[in-house]
Amino acid sequence: MTKADMIEKISEKVHSLTARETEIIVNSIFDSIKDALSRGDKVEIRGFGSFRLRDRRMRVGRNPKTGAQVNVPAKKVPFFKAGKELKEFVDSK
């Protein structure tokens, strides 16, 4: 499902919102999650899951073309952990 599909489904279910209004709401939710993660905060949506940052340490990688060693710098990556209700729902289908 793409973001456009999500917007379309929501605007079909909520007749009082136009597709444009639904798009603004969906974009606001995603922007809020991105802003919180960029500040280092954890985002938890009960029954769905939580988003947080994980630290990846520096490591030595290899250039696949030349085989030369390359230093890959440490970085933070977003991580999603599904909630219990979501896991049970997916497993039951």
C-alpha atoms as a PDB file:
ATOM      1  CA  MET A   1       0.000   0.000   0.000  1.00  0.00           C
ATOM      2  CA  THR A   2       1.370   3.390  -0.965  1.00  0.00           C
ATOM      3  CA  LYS A   3       0.706   6.687   0.752  1.00  0.00           C
ATOM      4  CA  ALA A   4      -1.652   7.624  -2.104  1.00  0.00           C
ATOM      5  CA  ASP A   5      -3.603   4.381  -1.570  1.00  0.00           C
ATOM      6  CA  MET A   6      -3.838   5.139   2.127  1.00  0.00           C
ATOM      7  CA  ILE A   7      -5.139   8.644   1.464  1.00  0.00           C
ATOM      8  CA  GLU A   8      -7.731   7.289  -0.961  1.00  0.00           C
ATOM      9  CA  LYS A   9      -8.978   4.627   1.494  1.00  0.00           C
ATOM     10  CA  ILE A  10      -9.258   7.120   4.356  1.00  0.00           C
ATOM     11  CA  SER A  11     -11.110   9.678   2.249  1.00  0.00           C
ATOM     12  CA  GLU A  12     -13.547   6.923   1.162  1.00  0.00           C
ATOM     13  CA  LYS A  13     -14.246   5.948   4.783  1.00  0.00           C
ATOM     14  CA  VAL A  14     -14.545   9.496   6.149  1.00  0.00           C
ATOM     15  CA  HIS A  15     -17.006  11.218   3.829  1.00  0.00           C
ATOM     16  CA  SER A  16     -16.685  14.602   5.548  1.00  0.00           C
ATOM     17  CA  LEU A  17     -13.042  14.928   4.422  1.00  0.00           C
ATOM     18  CA  THR A  18     -11.887  15.665   0.914  1.00  0.00           C
ATOM     19  CA  ALA A  19      -8.911  13.852  -0.573  1.00  0.00           C
ATOM     20  CA  ARG A  20      -6.812  17.018  -0.162  1.00  0.00           C
ATOM     21  CA  GLU A  21      -7.736  17.356   3.537  1.00  0.00           C
ATOM     22  CA  THR A  22      -6.951  13.681   4.080  1.00  0.00           C
ATOM     23  CA  GLU A  23      -3.582  14.131   2.366  1.00  0.00           C
ATOM     24  CA  ILE A  24      -2.749  17.030   4.719  1.00  0.00           C
ATOM     25  CA  ILE A  25      -3.651  14.905   7.754  1.00  0.00           C
ATOM     26  CA  VAL A  26      -1.629  11.874   6.603  1.00  0.00           C
ATOM     27  CA  ASN A  27       1.370  14.058   5.750  1.00  0.00           C
ATOM     28  CA  SER A  28       1.102  15.773   9.154  1.00  0.00           C
ATOM     29  CA  ILE A  29       1.176  12.409  10.939  1.00  0.00           C
ATOM     30  CA  PHE A  30       4.249  11.253   9.008  1.00  0.00           C
ATOM     31  CA  ASP A  31       5.967  14.622   9.506  1.00  0.00           C
ATOM     32  CA  SER A  32       5.307  14.415  13.260  1.00  0.00           C
ATOM     33  CA  ILE A  33       6.866  10.953  13.399  1.00  0.00           C
ATOM     34  CA  LYS A  34       9.911  12.143  11.413  1.00  0.00           C
ATOM     35  CA  ASP A  35      10.325  15.224  13.616  1.00  0.00           C
ATOM     36  CA  ALA A  36      10.135  13.172  16.814  1.00  0.00           C
ATOM     37  CA  LEU A  37      12.699  10.668  15.540  1.00  0.00           C
ATOM     38  CA  SER A  38      15.042  13.448  14.423  1.00  0.00           C
ATOM     39  CA  ARG A  39      14.941  14.776  18.011  1.00  0.00           C
ATOM     40  CA  GLY A  40      15.746  11.291  19.308  1.00  0.00           C
ATOM     41  CA  ASP A  41      12.276  10.682  20.761  1.00  0.00           C
ATOM     42  CA  LYS A  42      10.414   7.389  20.618  1.00  0.00           C
ATOM     43  CA  VAL A  43       6.991   7.309  18.916  1.00  0.00           C
ATOM     44  CA  GLU A  44       4.517   4.760  20.236  1.00  0.00           C
ATOM     45  CA  ILE A  45       1.135   4.076  18.646  1.00  0.00           C
ATOM     46  CA  ARG A  46      -0.816   1.773  20.963  1.00  0.00           C
ATOM     47  CA  GLY A  47      -2.000  -1.394  19.275  1.00  0.00           C
ATOM     48  CA  PHE A  48       0.161  -0.739  16.207  1.00  0.00           C
ATOM     49  CA  GLY A  49       3.807  -0.433  17.221  1.00  0.00           C
ATOM     50  CA  SER A  50       6.641   1.914  18.041  1.00  0.00           C
ATOM     51  CA  PHE A  51       9.299   3.785  16.123  1.00  0.00           C
ATOM     52  CA  ARG A  52      12.713   4.565  17.578  1.00  0.00           C
ATOM     53  CA  LEU A  53      16.306   5.088  16.557  1.00  0.00           C
ATOM     54  CA  ARG A  54      19.021   2.483  16.719  1.00  0.00           C
ATOM     55  CA  ASP A  55      22.721   3.211  16.631  1.00  0.00           C
ATOM     56  CA  ARG A  56      24.839   1.384  14.101  1.00  0.00           C
ATOM     57  CA  ARG A  57      28.501   1.296  14.964  1.00  0.00           C
ATOM     58  CA  MET A  58      31.294   2.030  12.555  1.00  0.00           C
ATOM     59  CA  ARG A  59      32.399  -0.983  10.576  1.00  0.00           C
ATOM     60  CA  VAL A  60      34.732  -1.968   7.806  1.00  0.00           C
ATOM     61  CA  GLY A  61      32.979  -2.874   4.564  1.00  0.00           C
ATOM     62  CA  ARG A  62      34.225  -3.949   1.182  1.00  0.00           C
ATOM     63  CA  ASN A  63      33.853  -2.317  -2.212  1.00  0.00           C
ATOM     64  CA  PRO A  64      32.251  -5.091  -4.297  1.00  0.00           C
ATOM     65  CA  LYS A  65      33.855  -3.892  -7.512  1.00  0.00           C
ATOM     66  CA  THR A  66      37.469  -3.598  -6.344  1.00  0.00           C
ATOM     67  CA  GLY A  67      37.470  -5.631  -3.132  1.00  0.00           C
ATOM     68  CA  ALA A  68      39.117  -2.728  -1.294  1.00  0.00           C
ATOM     69  CA  GLN A  69      38.236  -2.135   2.346  1.00  0.00           C
ATOM     70  CA  VAL A  70      36.026   0.868   3.035  1.00  0.00           C
ATOM     71  CA  ASN A  71      35.203   2.420   6.409  1.00  0.00           C
ATOM     72  CA  VAL A  72      31.435   2.717   6.883  1.00  0.00           C
ATOM     73  CA  PRO A  73      30.752   5.479   9.437  1.00  0.00           C
ATOM     74  CA  ALA A  74      28.533   5.069  12.503  1.00  0.00           C
ATOM     75  CA  LYS A  75      24.974   6.243  12.021  1.00  0.00           C
ATOM     76  CA  LYS A  76      21.481   6.240  13.462  1.00  0.00           C
ATOM     77  CA  VAL A  77      18.736   4.320  11.650  1.00  0.00           C
ATOM     78  CA  PRO A  78      14.977   4.273  12.253  1.00  0.00           C
ATOM     79  CA  PHE A  79      13.571   1.034  13.635  1.00  0.00           C
ATOM     80  CA  PHE A  80       9.940  -0.127  13.841  1.00  0.00           C
ATOM     81  CA  LYS A  81       8.765  -2.708  16.339  1.00  0.00           C
ATOM     82  CA  ALA A  82       5.276  -4.089  15.753  1.00  0.00           C
ATOM     83  CA  GLY A  83       2.926  -4.070  18.724  1.00  0.00           C
ATOM     84  CA  LYS A  84       1.326  -7.157  20.219  1.00  0.00           C
ATOM     85  CA  GLU A  85      -2.114  -6.470  18.704  1.00  0.00           C
ATOM     86  CA  LEU A  86      -0.668  -5.963  15.215  1.00  0.00           C
ATOM     87  CA  LYS A  87       1.368  -9.164  15.465  1.00  0.00           C
ATOM     88  CA  GLU A  88      -1.678 -11.148  16.577  1.00  0.00           C
ATOM     89  CA  PHE A  89      -3.860  -9.619  13.835  1.00  0.00           C
ATOM     90  CA  VAL A  90      -1.365 -10.425  11.083  1.00  0.00           C
ATOM     91  CA  ASP A  91      -0.774 -13.925  12.437  1.00  0.00           C
ATOM     92  CA  SER A  92      -4.498 -14.720  12.546  1.00  0.00           C
ATOM     93  CA  LYS A  93      -5.007 -13.842   8.862  1.00  0.00           C
END
